[in-house]
Amino acid sequence: MRARWRFTDRRHGDLAPGQPDVETRRSSLVGRPWTWLAQEHGARVVVVEHPGEHAGATADAAVSAIGGAVLSVAVADCAPIVLVGSTGGQTEAIGVAHAGWRGLTAGVVEAAVVAVAALGPLDVFAVVGPCIGPECYEFGADDLDRVAARIGPGVVARTADGRPALDLRRGVVDALRSAGAVVVGDAQPCTACASRTLWSHRARGERGRQAGVVWIEP
């Protein structure tokens, strides 16, 4: 089996659950049953045992070892995370997670890595998609301290004009590595800065959502 994944952008259309024609847009990307989630910024992980299982479940991560399963999360400024569990270069399991600051603090990143590894024993690799960057993410001091206490001081940053900020990507990467995942892939753009290609709720109040999608080719 082989894992494939994609981080969508405006070209692929709005992939927020419940939007008109969202099923058509999903099918144009991957023509198999999707597991999409009713995300709540928590740490619940669902295990998908047949394609499309748990579609609409209240959770922020999903994992599977089933060929043909398509797992997705919808995001604007939060980080979409794709996980691939492999043995000897052969894909054995996949996962996807949605991590904003609340989910990061709740432990969704670690929970997702553990859930993929539990389908093994596997080496877990992670790719982090576009999310809001610290230069655009002013953050309250109390909440910033809360995240730093949970993840580490590396999340503390400054905005472009010098105000306290959260480095969400750094926090996600640190949590992934702490959980034993190997982080791979290139740097991704800031959702607030990339107004032509990505939606941002925080910067522009937009309701559209891009998606992180991963699936196993049988």
Protein backbone atom coordinates (compact mmCIF):
# COMPACT_ATOMS: atom_id res chain seq x y z
CA MET A 1 0.00 0.00 0.00
CA ARG A 2 1.07 3.58 -0.55
CA ALA A 3 0.09 6.77 1.27
CA ARG A 4 -0.86 9.90 -0.62
CA TRP A 5 -1.78 13.28 0.80
CA ARG A 6 -2.68 16.81 -0.18
CA PHE A 7 -3.10 20.18 1.46
CA THR A 8 -5.74 22.02 -0.57
CA ASP A 9 -6.08 25.74 -1.29
CA ARG A 10 -8.60 28.10 -2.86
CA ARG A 11 -8.21 26.43 -6.24
CA HIS A 12 -9.85 23.29 -4.86
CA GLY A 13 -12.85 25.17 -3.47
CA ASP A 14 -14.30 25.51 0.01
CA LEU A 15 -14.03 22.17 1.84
CA ALA A 16 -15.77 23.24 5.04
CA PRO A 17 -18.26 20.54 6.10
CA GLY A 18 -21.84 21.42 5.23
CA GLN A 19 -21.04 23.80 2.38
CA PRO A 20 -23.03 23.44 -0.86
CA ASP A 21 -21.47 20.95 -3.27
CA VAL A 22 -18.74 19.98 -0.81
CA GLU A 23 -19.24 16.32 -1.67
CA THR A 24 -18.60 17.10 -5.33
CA ARG A 25 -15.40 18.93 -4.44
CA ARG A 26 -14.27 16.06 -2.24
CA SER A 27 -14.92 13.53 -4.99
CA SER A 28 -12.97 15.60 -7.51
CA LEU A 29 -9.93 15.35 -5.21
CA VAL A 30 -10.25 11.70 -4.19
CA GLY A 31 -13.10 9.60 -5.53
CA ARG A 32 -13.57 7.42 -2.45
CA PRO A 33 -15.62 7.73 0.77
CA TRP A 34 -14.22 10.45 3.03
CA THR A 35 -13.98 10.50 6.80
CA TRP A 36 -14.41 14.15 7.75
CA LEU A 37 -14.79 15.41 11.30
CA ALA A 38 -16.91 17.76 13.37
CA GLN A 39 -13.91 19.41 14.97
CA GLU A 40 -14.06 20.82 18.49
CA HIS A 41 -10.44 21.73 19.36
CA GLY A 42 -10.07 18.66 21.55
CA ALA A 43 -7.92 15.54 21.54
CA ARG A 44 -10.32 12.77 20.50
CA VAL A 45 -9.03 10.37 17.83
CA VAL A 46 -11.27 8.00 15.86
CA VAL A 47 -10.04 4.75 14.30
CA VAL A 48 -11.45 4.17 10.81
CA GLU A 49 -11.93 0.49 10.03
CA HIS A 50 -13.76 0.85 6.73
CA PRO A 51 -13.77 3.71 4.18
CA GLY A 52 -16.04 6.56 5.22
CA GLU A 53 -16.49 5.32 8.78
CA HIS A 54 -16.92 8.07 11.40
CA ALA A 55 -17.79 10.71 8.80
CA GLY A 56 -19.10 13.67 10.80
CA ALA A 57 -17.84 12.30 14.12
CA THR A 58 -16.95 14.78 16.83
CA ALA A 59 -13.17 14.48 16.94
CA ASP A 60 -10.01 16.28 15.89
CA ALA A 61 -7.99 13.37 14.52
CA ALA A 62 -8.54 10.13 12.65
CA VAL A 63 -6.30 7.15 11.90
CA SER A 64 -6.65 4.08 9.72
CA ALA A 65 -4.81 1.06 8.36
CA ILE A 66 -7.40 0.37 5.66
CA GLY A 67 -6.70 0.67 1.94
CA GLY A 68 -9.08 3.16 0.32
CA ALA A 69 -9.73 5.12 3.50
CA VAL A 70 -9.67 8.92 2.99
CA LEU A 71 -9.12 10.97 6.15
CA SER A 72 -9.50 14.74 6.27
CA VAL A 73 -9.58 17.81 8.47
CA ALA A 74 -10.78 21.29 7.47
CA VAL A 75 -8.74 24.30 8.57
CA ALA A 76 -8.28 28.02 8.09
CA ASP A 77 -5.56 29.11 10.56
CA CYS A 78 -5.14 25.91 12.58
CA ALA A 79 -2.51 23.39 11.50
CA PRO A 80 -3.48 20.35 9.42
CA ILE A 81 -1.21 17.40 10.17
CA VAL A 82 -0.77 14.31 8.00
CA LEU A 83 0.74 11.19 9.59
CA VAL A 84 2.11 8.12 7.82
CA GLY A 85 3.09 4.98 9.68
CA SER A 86 5.43 2.67 7.81
CA THR A 87 7.65 -0.37 8.24
CA GLY A 88 10.62 -0.79 5.93
CA GLY A 89 9.30 1.93 3.62
CA GLN A 90 5.90 0.25 3.23
CA THR A 91 2.85 2.25 4.33
CA GLU A 92 0.89 0.46 7.03
CA ALA A 93 -1.24 3.23 8.52
CA ILE A 94 -2.22 6.88 8.10
CA GLY A 95 -3.60 9.65 10.25
CA VAL A 96 -4.75 13.23 10.10
CA ALA A 97 -5.14 15.83 12.86
CA HIS A 98 -6.44 19.36 13.34
CA ALA A 99 -4.39 21.42 15.79
CA GLY A 100 -5.13 24.93 16.95
CA TRP A 101 -3.78 26.25 20.21
CA ARG A 102 -6.54 24.60 22.25
CA GLY A 103 -6.07 21.22 20.59
CA LEU A 104 -2.32 21.56 20.91
CA THR A 105 -2.71 22.19 24.63
CA ALA A 106 -5.24 19.34 24.96
CA GLY A 107 -2.74 16.89 23.45
CA VAL A 108 -4.29 16.11 20.06
CA VAL A 109 -0.89 15.92 18.35
CA GLU A 110 0.52 13.32 20.72
CA ALA A 111 -2.76 11.39 20.77
CA ALA A 112 -2.78 11.13 16.97
CA VAL A 113 0.85 9.94 16.79
CA VAL A 114 0.21 7.31 19.48
CA ALA A 115 -2.93 6.13 17.65
CA VAL A 116 -1.04 5.65 14.37
CA ALA A 117 1.84 3.88 16.12
CA ALA A 118 -0.66 1.58 17.84
CA LEU A 119 -1.65 0.19 14.44
CA GLY A 120 1.97 -0.97 14.06
CA PRO A 121 4.68 -1.33 15.35
CA LEU A 122 5.50 1.53 12.98
CA ASP A 123 7.79 4.44 12.31
CA VAL A 124 5.60 7.55 12.18
CA PHE A 125 6.32 10.40 9.78
CA ALA A 126 4.50 13.75 9.91
CA VAL A 127 3.88 16.59 7.46
CA VAL A 128 2.48 19.92 8.73
CA GLY A 129 0.37 21.95 6.31
CA PRO A 130 -0.23 25.71 6.09
CA CYS A 131 -1.27 27.47 9.28
CA ILE A 132 -1.09 30.97 10.67
CA GLY A 133 2.45 32.19 11.31
CA PRO A 134 3.68 33.95 14.45
CA GLU A 135 4.20 37.20 12.56
CA CYS A 136 0.39 37.43 12.24
CA TYR A 137 -0.75 35.67 15.42
CA GLU A 138 -0.92 38.10 18.33
CA PHE A 139 -1.69 36.13 21.48
CA GLY A 140 -2.79 36.96 25.02
CA ALA A 141 -0.11 36.60 27.67
CA ASP A 142 -2.10 34.21 29.90
CA ASP A 143 -2.97 31.82 27.08
CA LEU A 144 0.57 32.04 25.72
CA ASP A 145 1.92 31.02 29.11
CA ARG A 146 -0.54 28.13 29.17
CA VAL A 147 0.63 26.78 25.82
CA ALA A 148 4.30 27.29 26.70
CA ALA A 149 3.83 25.40 29.98
CA ARG A 150 2.38 22.46 28.04
CA ILE A 151 4.61 22.42 24.94
CA GLY A 152 7.73 24.40 25.81
CA PRO A 153 9.14 27.92 25.47
CA GLY A 154 9.73 27.57 21.73
CA VAL A 155 6.11 28.56 21.06
CA VAL A 156 6.67 32.07 22.44
CA ALA A 157 7.24 34.52 19.59
CA ARG A 158 6.60 38.08 18.41
CA THR A 159 4.38 39.49 15.68
CA ALA A 160 5.82 41.49 12.82
CA ASP A 161 5.33 44.65 14.89
CA GLY A 162 6.74 43.20 18.11
CA ARG A 163 3.66 42.10 20.07
CA PRO A 164 3.46 38.75 21.95
CA ALA A 165 2.62 35.93 19.55
CA LEU A 166 2.18 32.18 19.37
CA ASP A 167 4.32 30.15 16.99
CA LEU A 168 1.73 27.47 16.29
CA ARG A 169 3.83 25.61 13.73
CA ARG A 170 6.77 25.41 16.15
CA GLY A 171 4.45 24.08 18.84
CA VAL A 172 3.04 21.42 16.53
CA VAL A 173 6.49 20.35 15.36
CA ASP A 174 7.79 20.19 18.93
CA ALA A 175 4.78 18.10 20.01
CA LEU A 176 5.22 15.74 17.06
CA ARG A 177 8.88 15.17 17.84
CA SER A 178 8.16 14.74 21.53
CA ALA A 179 5.66 12.02 20.62
CA GLY A 180 8.28 10.21 18.52
CA ALA A 181 7.27 11.29 15.00
CA VAL A 182 9.77 12.28 12.33
CA VAL A 183 8.75 15.61 10.79
CA VAL A 184 9.32 15.86 7.04
CA GLY A 185 8.30 18.20 4.23
CA ASP A 186 8.95 21.77 3.20
CA ALA A 187 7.97 24.95 5.03
CA GLN A 188 4.40 26.06 4.32
CA PRO A 189 2.98 29.58 3.91
CA CYS A 190 1.20 31.58 6.59
CA THR A 191 -2.57 31.49 6.04
CA ALA A 192 -2.92 35.15 7.07
CA CYS A 193 -0.25 36.29 4.60
CA ALA A 194 -1.27 34.10 1.64
CA SER A 195 -4.57 35.87 0.95
CA ARG A 196 -4.66 34.87 -2.73
CA THR A 197 -4.32 31.16 -2.11
CA LEU A 198 -5.48 30.36 1.44
CA TRP A 199 -8.40 31.23 3.69
CA SER A 200 -7.82 32.83 7.10
CA HIS A 201 -10.53 33.30 9.70
CA ARG A 202 -8.35 35.31 12.05
CA ALA A 203 -6.89 37.71 9.50
CA ARG A 204 -9.90 38.21 7.22
CA GLY A 205 -12.91 36.64 8.96
CA GLU A 206 -13.34 34.17 6.10
CA ARG A 207 -15.61 31.16 6.43
CA GLY A 208 -13.92 29.08 3.71
CA ARG A 209 -11.71 26.17 4.68
CA GLN A 210 -8.83 24.37 3.05
CA ALA A 211 -8.25 20.73 3.95
CA GLY A 212 -5.55 18.31 4.90
CA VAL A 213 -6.31 14.98 3.22
CA VAL A 214 -4.51 11.62 3.38
CA TRP A 215 -5.42 8.25 1.96
CA ILE A 216 -3.99 4.82 1.27
CA GLU A 217 -3.84 3.54 -2.28
CA PRO A 218 -4.72 -0.16 -2.08
